[in-house]
Amino acid sequence: MYLGTSLFLMALGAILAFAVNATAEGFDINTAGWILIIVGAVGVLVSLLVLGRDRAPVERVAVEHERVPVERERVPADRPPV
């Protein structure tokens, strides 16, 4: 569950819990709203934990000159370099 979905569930749950005054027999709309708020909050926490784990800190170094890596030929131990 991503962050956007979690926030959507929380918003939908808040609407059901606080703004809807309808009743249904055998189904409590306010309780369903609170359940959606809780599920959305758990989803936000999980999303932030996963997002924080995937992002590794990047070390930024000032570079004066751009260097191009050079591939060198591997020389066997029994052959002298040229």
PDB file of N, CA and C in Angstrom:
ATOM      1  N   MET A   1       0.854  -1.160   0.000  1.00  0.00           N
ATOM      2  CA  MET A   1       0.000   0.000   0.000  1.00  0.00           C
ATOM      3  C   MET A   1       0.907   1.231   0.000  1.00  0.00           C
ATOM      4  N   TYR A   2       0.672   2.118  -0.898  1.00  0.00           N
ATOM      5  CA  TYR A   2       1.496   3.302  -1.007  1.00  0.00           C
ATOM      6  C   TYR A   2       0.909   4.443  -0.176  1.00  0.00           C
ATOM      7  N   LEU A   3       1.679   5.501  -0.097  1.00  0.00           N
ATOM      8  CA  LEU A   3       1.303   6.638   0.729  1.00  0.00           C
ATOM      9  C   LEU A   3      -0.003   7.276   0.268  1.00  0.00           C
ATOM     10  N   GLY A   4      -0.181   7.438  -1.026  1.00  0.00           N
ATOM     11  CA  GLY A   4      -1.406   8.045  -1.550  1.00  0.00           C
ATOM     12  C   GLY A   4      -2.645   7.228  -1.230  1.00  0.00           C
ATOM     13  N   THR A   5      -2.532   5.916  -1.363  1.00  0.00           N
ATOM     14  CA  THR A   5      -3.667   5.040  -1.042  1.00  0.00           C
ATOM     15  C   THR A   5      -4.005   5.125   0.437  1.00  0.00           C
ATOM     16  N   SER A   6      -2.984   5.178   1.261  1.00  0.00           N
ATOM     17  CA  SER A   6      -3.211   5.267   2.707  1.00  0.00           C
ATOM     18  C   SER A   6      -3.917   6.566   3.082  1.00  0.00           C
ATOM     19  N   LEU A   7      -3.472   7.665   2.478  1.00  0.00           N
ATOM     20  CA  LEU A   7      -4.130   8.943   2.755  1.00  0.00           C
ATOM     21  C   LEU A   7      -5.566   8.951   2.248  1.00  0.00           C
ATOM     22  N   PHE A   8      -5.803   8.309   1.110  1.00  0.00           N
ATOM     23  CA  PHE A   8      -7.170   8.206   0.588  1.00  0.00           C
ATOM     24  C   PHE A   8      -8.060   7.425   1.556  1.00  0.00           C
ATOM     25  N   LEU A   9      -7.547   6.305   2.085  1.00  0.00           N
ATOM     26  CA  LEU A   9      -8.331   5.517   3.039  1.00  0.00           C
ATOM     27  C   LEU A   9      -8.636   6.316   4.301  1.00  0.00           C
ATOM     28  N   MET A  10      -7.661   7.089   4.765  1.00  0.00           N
ATOM     29  CA  MET A  10      -7.902   7.910   5.949  1.00  0.00           C
ATOM     30  C   MET A  10      -8.956   8.973   5.676  1.00  0.00           C
ATOM     31  N   ALA A  11      -8.914   9.596   4.499  1.00  0.00           N
ATOM     32  CA  ALA A  11      -9.905  10.618   4.161  1.00  0.00           C
ATOM     33  C   ALA A  11     -11.294   9.996   4.033  1.00  0.00           C
ATOM     34  N   LEU A  12     -11.370   8.853   3.371  1.00  0.00           N
ATOM     35  CA  LEU A  12     -12.661   8.168   3.226  1.00  0.00           C
ATOM     36  C   LEU A  12     -13.201   7.751   4.595  1.00  0.00           C
ATOM     37  N   GLY A  13     -12.317   7.253   5.449  1.00  0.00           N
ATOM     38  CA  GLY A  13     -12.739   6.868   6.792  1.00  0.00           C
ATOM     39  C   GLY A  13     -13.218   8.055   7.605  1.00  0.00           C
ATOM     40  N   ALA A  14     -12.554   9.201   7.461  1.00  0.00           N
ATOM     41  CA  ALA A  14     -12.978  10.401   8.189  1.00  0.00           C
ATOM     42  C   ALA A  14     -14.354  10.860   7.713  1.00  0.00           C
ATOM     43  N   ILE A  15     -14.602  10.761   6.420  1.00  0.00           N
ATOM     44  CA  ILE A  15     -15.922  11.132   5.893  1.00  0.00           C
ATOM     45  C   ILE A  15     -16.989  10.216   6.473  1.00  0.00           C
ATOM     46  N   LEU A  16     -16.714   8.906   6.458  1.00  0.00           N
ATOM     47  CA  LEU A  16     -17.701   7.964   6.986  1.00  0.00           C
ATOM     48  C   LEU A  16     -17.891   8.127   8.498  1.00  0.00           C
ATOM     49  N   ALA A  17     -16.814   8.407   9.218  1.00  0.00           N
ATOM     50  CA  ALA A  17     -16.907   8.481  10.680  1.00  0.00           C
ATOM     51  C   ALA A  17     -17.542   9.780  11.157  1.00  0.00           C
ATOM     52  N   PHE A  18     -17.279  10.881  10.465  1.00  0.00           N
ATOM     53  CA  PHE A  18     -17.703  12.171  10.994  1.00  0.00           C
ATOM     54  C   PHE A  18     -18.824  12.852  10.213  1.00  0.00           C
ATOM     55  N   ALA A  19     -18.963  12.556   8.918  1.00  0.00           N
ATOM     56  CA  ALA A  19     -19.899  13.335   8.100  1.00  0.00           C
ATOM     57  C   ALA A  19     -21.159  12.575   7.709  1.00  0.00           C
ATOM     58  N   VAL A  20     -21.136  11.276   7.793  1.00  0.00           N
ATOM     59  CA  VAL A  20     -22.300  10.497   7.353  1.00  0.00           C
ATOM     60  C   VAL A  20     -23.183  10.204   8.553  1.00  0.00           C
ATOM     61  N   ASN A  21     -24.465  10.531   8.427  1.00  0.00           N
ATOM     62  CA  ASN A  21     -25.421  10.283   9.508  1.00  0.00           C
ATOM     63  C   ASN A  21     -26.419   9.188   9.160  1.00  0.00           C
ATOM     64  N   ALA A  22     -26.179   8.480   8.074  1.00  0.00           N
ATOM     65  CA  ALA A  22     -27.102   7.417   7.659  1.00  0.00           C
ATOM     66  C   ALA A  22     -26.929   6.197   8.563  1.00  0.00           C
ATOM     67  N   THR A  23     -27.964   5.391   8.609  1.00  0.00           N
ATOM     68  CA  THR A  23     -27.901   4.155   9.388  1.00  0.00           C
ATOM     69  C   THR A  23     -28.204   2.986   8.464  1.00  0.00           C
ATOM     70  N   ALA A  24     -27.602   1.888   8.782  1.00  0.00           N
ATOM     71  CA  ALA A  24     -27.851   0.652   8.044  1.00  0.00           C
ATOM     72  C   ALA A  24     -27.986  -0.461   9.070  1.00  0.00           C
ATOM     73  N   GLU A  25     -28.959  -1.331   8.867  1.00  0.00           N
ATOM     74  CA  GLU A  25     -29.197  -2.386   9.839  1.00  0.00           C
ATOM     75  C   GLU A  25     -28.109  -3.453   9.707  1.00  0.00           C
ATOM     76  N   GLY A  26     -27.457  -3.763  10.824  1.00  0.00           N
ATOM     77  CA  GLY A  26     -26.405  -4.765  10.838  1.00  0.00           C
ATOM     78  C   GLY A  26     -25.049  -4.238  10.409  1.00  0.00           C
ATOM     79  N   PHE A  27     -24.943  -2.933  10.137  1.00  0.00           N
ATOM     80  CA  PHE A  27     -23.678  -2.352   9.674  1.00  0.00           C
ATOM     81  C   PHE A  27     -23.555  -0.949  10.236  1.00  0.00           C
ATOM     82  N   ASP A  28     -22.506  -0.701  10.988  1.00  0.00           N
ATOM     83  CA  ASP A  28     -22.294   0.619  11.575  1.00  0.00           C
ATOM     84  C   ASP A  28     -21.309   1.392  10.706  1.00  0.00           C
ATOM     85  N   ILE A  29     -21.801   2.415  10.039  1.00  0.00           N
ATOM     86  CA  ILE A  29     -20.982   3.190   9.107  1.00  0.00           C
ATOM     87  C   ILE A  29     -19.878   3.936   9.850  1.00  0.00           C
ATOM     88  N   ASN A  30     -20.168   4.442  11.039  1.00  0.00           N
ATOM     89  CA  ASN A  30     -19.146   5.163  11.809  1.00  0.00           C
ATOM     90  C   ASN A  30     -17.988   4.246  12.203  1.00  0.00           C
ATOM     91  N   THR A  31     -18.298   3.021  12.594  1.00  0.00           N
ATOM     92  CA  THR A  31     -17.247   2.066  12.938  1.00  0.00           C
ATOM     93  C   THR A  31     -16.415   1.714  11.714  1.00  0.00           C
ATOM     94  N   ALA A  32     -17.052   1.542  10.586  1.00  0.00           N
ATOM     95  CA  ALA A  32     -16.316   1.276   9.344  1.00  0.00           C
ATOM     96  C   ALA A  32     -15.382   2.441   9.014  1.00  0.00           C
ATOM     97  N   GLY A  33     -15.832   3.658   9.266  1.00  0.00           N
ATOM     98  CA  GLY A  33     -14.986   4.821   9.047  1.00  0.00           C
ATOM     99  C   GLY A  33     -13.758   4.806   9.935  1.00  0.00           C
ATOM    100  N   TRP A  34     -13.953   4.476  11.211  1.00  0.00           N
ATOM    101  CA  TRP A  34     -12.809   4.407  12.123  1.00  0.00           C
ATOM    102  C   TRP A  34     -11.836   3.303  11.728  1.00  0.00           C
ATOM    103  N   ILE A  35     -12.367   2.195  11.251  1.00  0.00           N
ATOM    104  CA  ILE A  35     -11.498   1.104  10.794  1.00  0.00           C
ATOM    105  C   ILE A  35     -10.661   1.567   9.598  1.00  0.00           C
ATOM    106  N   LEU A  36     -11.283   2.284   8.666  1.00  0.00           N
ATOM    107  CA  LEU A  36     -10.538   2.794   7.519  1.00  0.00           C
ATOM    108  C   LEU A  36      -9.482   3.814   7.942  1.00  0.00           C
ATOM    109  N   ILE A  37      -9.773   4.641   8.932  1.00  0.00           N
ATOM    110  CA  ILE A  37      -8.788   5.601   9.433  1.00  0.00           C
ATOM    111  C   ILE A  37      -7.585   4.859  10.023  1.00  0.00           C
ATOM    112  N   ILE A  38      -7.833   3.832  10.797  1.00  0.00           N
ATOM    113  CA  ILE A  38      -6.748   3.070  11.422  1.00  0.00           C
ATOM    114  C   ILE A  38      -5.922   2.333  10.373  1.00  0.00           C
ATOM    115  N   VAL A  39      -6.597   1.696   9.408  1.00  0.00           N
ATOM    116  CA  VAL A  39      -5.871   0.991   8.342  1.00  0.00           C
ATOM    117  C   VAL A  39      -5.036   1.982   7.529  1.00  0.00           C
ATOM    118  N   GLY A  40      -5.577   3.144   7.245  1.00  0.00           N
ATOM    119  CA  GLY A  40      -4.826   4.164   6.520  1.00  0.00           C
ATOM    120  C   GLY A  40      -3.624   4.657   7.301  1.00  0.00           C
ATOM    121  N   ALA A  41      -3.775   4.841   8.608  1.00  0.00           N
ATOM    122  CA  ALA A  41      -2.658   5.295   9.439  1.00  0.00           C
ATOM    123  C   ALA A  41      -1.547   4.253   9.484  1.00  0.00           C
ATOM    124  N   VAL A  42      -1.923   2.993   9.601  1.00  0.00           N
ATOM    125  CA  VAL A  42      -0.916   1.918   9.568  1.00  0.00           C
ATOM    126  C   VAL A  42      -0.221   1.894   8.209  1.00  0.00           C
ATOM    127  N   GLY A  43      -0.987   2.087   7.139  1.00  0.00           N
ATOM    128  CA  GLY A  43      -0.396   2.137   5.804  1.00  0.00           C
ATOM    129  C   GLY A  43       0.575   3.290   5.632  1.00  0.00           C
ATOM    130  N   VAL A  44       0.260   4.452   6.219  1.00  0.00           N
ATOM    131  CA  VAL A  44       1.182   5.595   6.155  1.00  0.00           C
ATOM    132  C   VAL A  44       2.483   5.248   6.865  1.00  0.00           C
ATOM    133  N   LEU A  45       2.394   4.658   8.046  1.00  0.00           N
ATOM    134  CA  LEU A  45       3.602   4.297   8.788  1.00  0.00           C
ATOM    135  C   LEU A  45       4.447   3.287   8.028  1.00  0.00           C
ATOM    136  N   VAL A  46       3.815   2.270   7.480  1.00  0.00           N
ATOM    137  CA  VAL A  46       4.550   1.258   6.723  1.00  0.00           C
ATOM    138  C   VAL A  46       5.173   1.877   5.481  1.00  0.00           C
ATOM    139  N   SER A  47       4.442   2.718   4.786  1.00  0.00           N
ATOM    140  CA  SER A  47       4.977   3.371   3.591  1.00  0.00           C
ATOM    141  C   SER A  47       6.188   4.224   3.921  1.00  0.00           C
ATOM    142  N   LEU A  48       6.129   4.973   5.009  1.00  0.00           N
ATOM    143  CA  LEU A  48       7.262   5.811   5.385  1.00  0.00           C
ATOM    144  C   LEU A  48       8.468   4.981   5.811  1.00  0.00           C
ATOM    145  N   LEU A  49       8.232   3.864   6.489  1.00  0.00           N
ATOM    146  CA  LEU A  49       9.335   2.998   6.875  1.00  0.00           C
ATOM    147  C   LEU A  49      10.007   2.382   5.655  1.00  0.00           C
ATOM    148  N   VAL A  50       9.218   1.913   4.711  1.00  0.00           N
ATOM    149  CA  VAL A  50       9.771   1.305   3.499  1.00  0.00           C
ATOM    150  C   VAL A  50      10.463   2.362   2.664  1.00  0.00           C
ATOM    151  N   LEU A  51       9.879   3.535   2.555  1.00  0.00           N
ATOM    152  CA  LEU A  51      10.475   4.619   1.779  1.00  0.00           C
ATOM    153  C   LEU A  51      11.793   5.060   2.399  1.00  0.00           C
ATOM    154  N   GLY A  52      11.853   5.135   3.701  1.00  0.00           N
ATOM    155  CA  GLY A  52      13.083   5.527   4.376  1.00  0.00           C
ATOM    156  C   GLY A  52      14.170   4.484   4.251  1.00  0.00           C
ATOM    157  N   ARG A  53      13.790   3.216   4.187  1.00  0.00           N
ATOM    158  CA  ARG A  53      14.776   2.146   4.066  1.00  0.00           C
ATOM    159  C   ARG A  53      15.371   2.101   2.667  1.00  0.00           C
ATOM    160  N   ASP A  54      14.577   2.414   1.637  1.00  0.00           N
ATOM    161  CA  ASP A  54      15.057   2.345   0.262  1.00  0.00           C
ATOM    162  C   ASP A  54      16.001   3.482  -0.082  1.00  0.00           C
ATOM    163  N   ARG A  55      15.886   4.581   0.581  1.00  0.00           N
ATOM    164  CA  ARG A  55      16.729   5.737   0.273  1.00  0.00           C
ATOM    165  C   ARG A  55      17.986   5.715   1.124  1.00  0.00           C
ATOM    166  N   ALA A  56      19.099   5.417   0.488  1.00  0.00           N
ATOM    167  CA  ALA A  56      20.374   5.423   1.187  1.00  0.00           C
ATOM    168  C   ALA A  56      20.957   6.831   1.140  1.00  0.00           C
ATOM    169  N   PRO A  57      21.665   7.228   2.174  1.00  0.00           N
ATOM    170  CA  PRO A  57      22.265   8.557   2.136  1.00  0.00           C
ATOM    171  C   PRO A  57      23.312   8.645   1.032  1.00  0.00           C
ATOM    172  N   VAL A  58      23.318   9.764   0.352  1.00  0.00           N
ATOM    173  CA  VAL A  58      24.241   9.970  -0.753  1.00  0.00           C
ATOM    174  C   VAL A  58      25.325  10.935  -0.302  1.00  0.00           C
ATOM    175  N   GLU A  59      26.560  10.530  -0.503  1.00  0.00           N
ATOM    176  CA  GLU A  59      27.676  11.402  -0.152  1.00  0.00           C
ATOM    177  C   GLU A  59      28.007  12.248  -1.368  1.00  0.00           C
ATOM    178  N   ARG A  60      27.956  13.536  -1.195  1.00  0.00           N
ATOM    179  CA  ARG A  60      28.242  14.448  -2.295  1.00  0.00           C
ATOM    180  C   ARG A  60      29.661  14.989  -2.122  1.00  0.00           C
ATOM    181  N   VAL A  61      30.440  14.879  -3.200  1.00  0.00           N
ATOM    182  CA  VAL A  61      31.822  15.311  -3.175  1.00  0.00           C
ATOM    183  C   VAL A  61      32.016  16.340  -4.279  1.00  0.00           C
ATOM    184  N   ALA A  62      32.681  17.418  -3.945  1.00  0.00           N
ATOM    185  CA  ALA A  62      32.980  18.432  -4.956  1.00  0.00           C
ATOM    186  C   ALA A  62      34.089  17.904  -5.857  1.00  0.00           C
ATOM    187  N   VAL A  63      33.858  17.966  -7.160  1.00  0.00           N
ATOM    188  CA  VAL A  63      34.807  17.448  -8.130  1.00  0.00           C
ATOM    189  C   VAL A  63      35.336  18.615  -8.947  1.00  0.00           C
ATOM    190  N   GLU A  64      36.678  18.736  -8.971  1.00  0.00           N
ATOM    191  CA  GLU A  64      37.266  19.805  -9.764  1.00  0.00           C
ATOM    192  C   GLU A  64      37.299  19.437 -11.245  1.00  0.00           C
ATOM    193  N   HIS A  65      37.797  18.237 -11.538  1.00  0.00           N
ATOM    194  CA  HIS A  65      37.907  17.786 -12.913  1.00  0.00           C
ATOM    195  C   HIS A  65      37.185  16.458 -13.037  1.00  0.00           C
ATOM    196  N   GLU A  66      36.487  16.316 -14.118  1.00  0.00           N
ATOM    197  CA  GLU A  66      35.790  15.056 -14.336  1.00  0.00           C
ATOM    198  C   GLU A  66      36.786  14.047 -14.881  1.00  0.00           C
ATOM    199  N   ARG A  67      36.862  12.900 -14.241  1.00  0.00           N
ATOM    200  CA  ARG A  67      37.795  11.868 -14.674  1.00  0.00           C
ATOM    201  C   ARG A  67      37.014  10.722 -15.298  1.00  0.00           C
ATOM    202  N   VAL A  68      37.583  10.187 -16.344  1.00  0.00           N
ATOM    203  CA  VAL A  68      36.969   9.058 -17.041  1.00  0.00           C
ATOM    204  C   VAL A  68      37.696   7.800 -16.594  1.00  0.00           C
ATOM    205  N   PRO A  69      36.962   6.794 -16.132  1.00  0.00           N
ATOM    206  CA  PRO A  69      37.636   5.565 -15.710  1.00  0.00           C
ATOM    207  C   PRO A  69      38.281   4.857 -16.900  1.00  0.00           C
ATOM    208  N   VAL A  70      39.477   4.332 -16.674  1.00  0.00           N
ATOM    209  CA  VAL A  70      40.230   3.641 -17.722  1.00  0.00           C
ATOM    210  C   VAL A  70      40.276   2.169 -17.364  1.00  0.00           C
ATOM    211  N   GLU A  71      39.869   1.348 -18.316  1.00  0.00           N
ATOM    212  CA  GLU A  71      39.950  -0.091 -18.090  1.00  0.00           C
ATOM    213  C   GLU A  71      41.345  -0.552 -18.463  1.00  0.00           C
ATOM    214  N   ARG A  72      41.952  -1.309 -17.587  1.00  0.00           N
ATOM    215  CA  ARG A  72      43.301  -1.802 -17.835  1.00  0.00           C
ATOM    216  C   ARG A  72      43.254  -3.290 -18.104  1.00  0.00           C
ATOM    217  N   GLU A  73      44.144  -3.717 -18.933  1.00  0.00           N
ATOM    218  CA  GLU A  73      44.229  -5.133 -19.269  1.00  0.00           C
ATOM    219  C   GLU A  73      44.843  -5.879 -18.094  1.00  0.00           C
ATOM    220  N   ARG A  74      44.249  -6.991 -17.751  1.00  0.00           N
ATOM    221  CA  ARG A  74      44.797  -7.795 -16.664  1.00  0.00           C
ATOM    222  C   ARG A  74      45.931  -8.637 -17.241  1.00  0.00           C
ATOM    223  N   VAL A  75      47.057  -8.535 -16.579  1.00  0.00           N
ATOM    224  CA  VAL A  75      48.250  -9.249 -17.046  1.00  0.00           C
ATOM    225  C   VAL A  75      48.467 -10.453 -16.145  1.00  0.00           C
ATOM    226  N   PRO A  76      48.631 -11.638 -16.768  1.00  0.00           N
ATOM    227  CA  PRO A  76      48.929 -12.829 -15.936  1.00  0.00           C
ATOM    228  C   PRO A  76      50.238 -12.648 -15.196  1.00  0.00           C
ATOM    229  N   ALA A  77      50.390 -13.342 -14.092  1.00  0.00           N
ATOM    230  CA  ALA A  77      51.571 -13.205 -13.238  1.00  0.00           C
ATOM    231  C   ALA A  77      52.837 -13.648 -13.946  1.00  0.00           C
ATOM    232  N   ASP A  78      52.739 -14.602 -14.877  1.00  0.00           N
ATOM    233  CA  ASP A  78      53.940 -15.107 -15.532  1.00  0.00           C
ATOM    234  C   ASP A  78      54.383 -14.254 -16.732  1.00  0.00           C
ATOM    235  N   ARG A  79      53.581 -13.289 -17.136  1.00  0.00           N
ATOM    236  CA  ARG A  79      53.917 -12.436 -18.275  1.00  0.00           C
ATOM    237  C   ARG A  79      54.216 -11.041 -17.760  1.00  0.00           C
ATOM    238  N   PRO A  80      55.363 -10.448 -18.140  1.00  0.00           N
ATOM    239  CA  PRO A  80      55.676  -9.090 -17.682  1.00  0.00           C
ATOM    240  C   PRO A  80      54.800  -8.068 -18.384  1.00  0.00           C
ATOM    241  N   PRO A  81      54.506  -6.958 -17.710  1.00  0.00           N
ATOM    242  CA  PRO A  81      53.697  -5.916 -18.352  1.00  0.00           C
ATOM    243  C   PRO A  81      54.462  -5.250 -19.480  1.00  0.00           C
ATOM    244  N   VAL A  82      53.753  -4.760 -20.486  1.00  0.00           N
ATOM    245  CA  VAL A  82      54.394  -4.094 -21.631  1.00  0.00           C
ATOM    246  C   VAL A  82      54.454  -2.613 -21.441  1.00  0.00           C
TER     247      VAL A  82
END
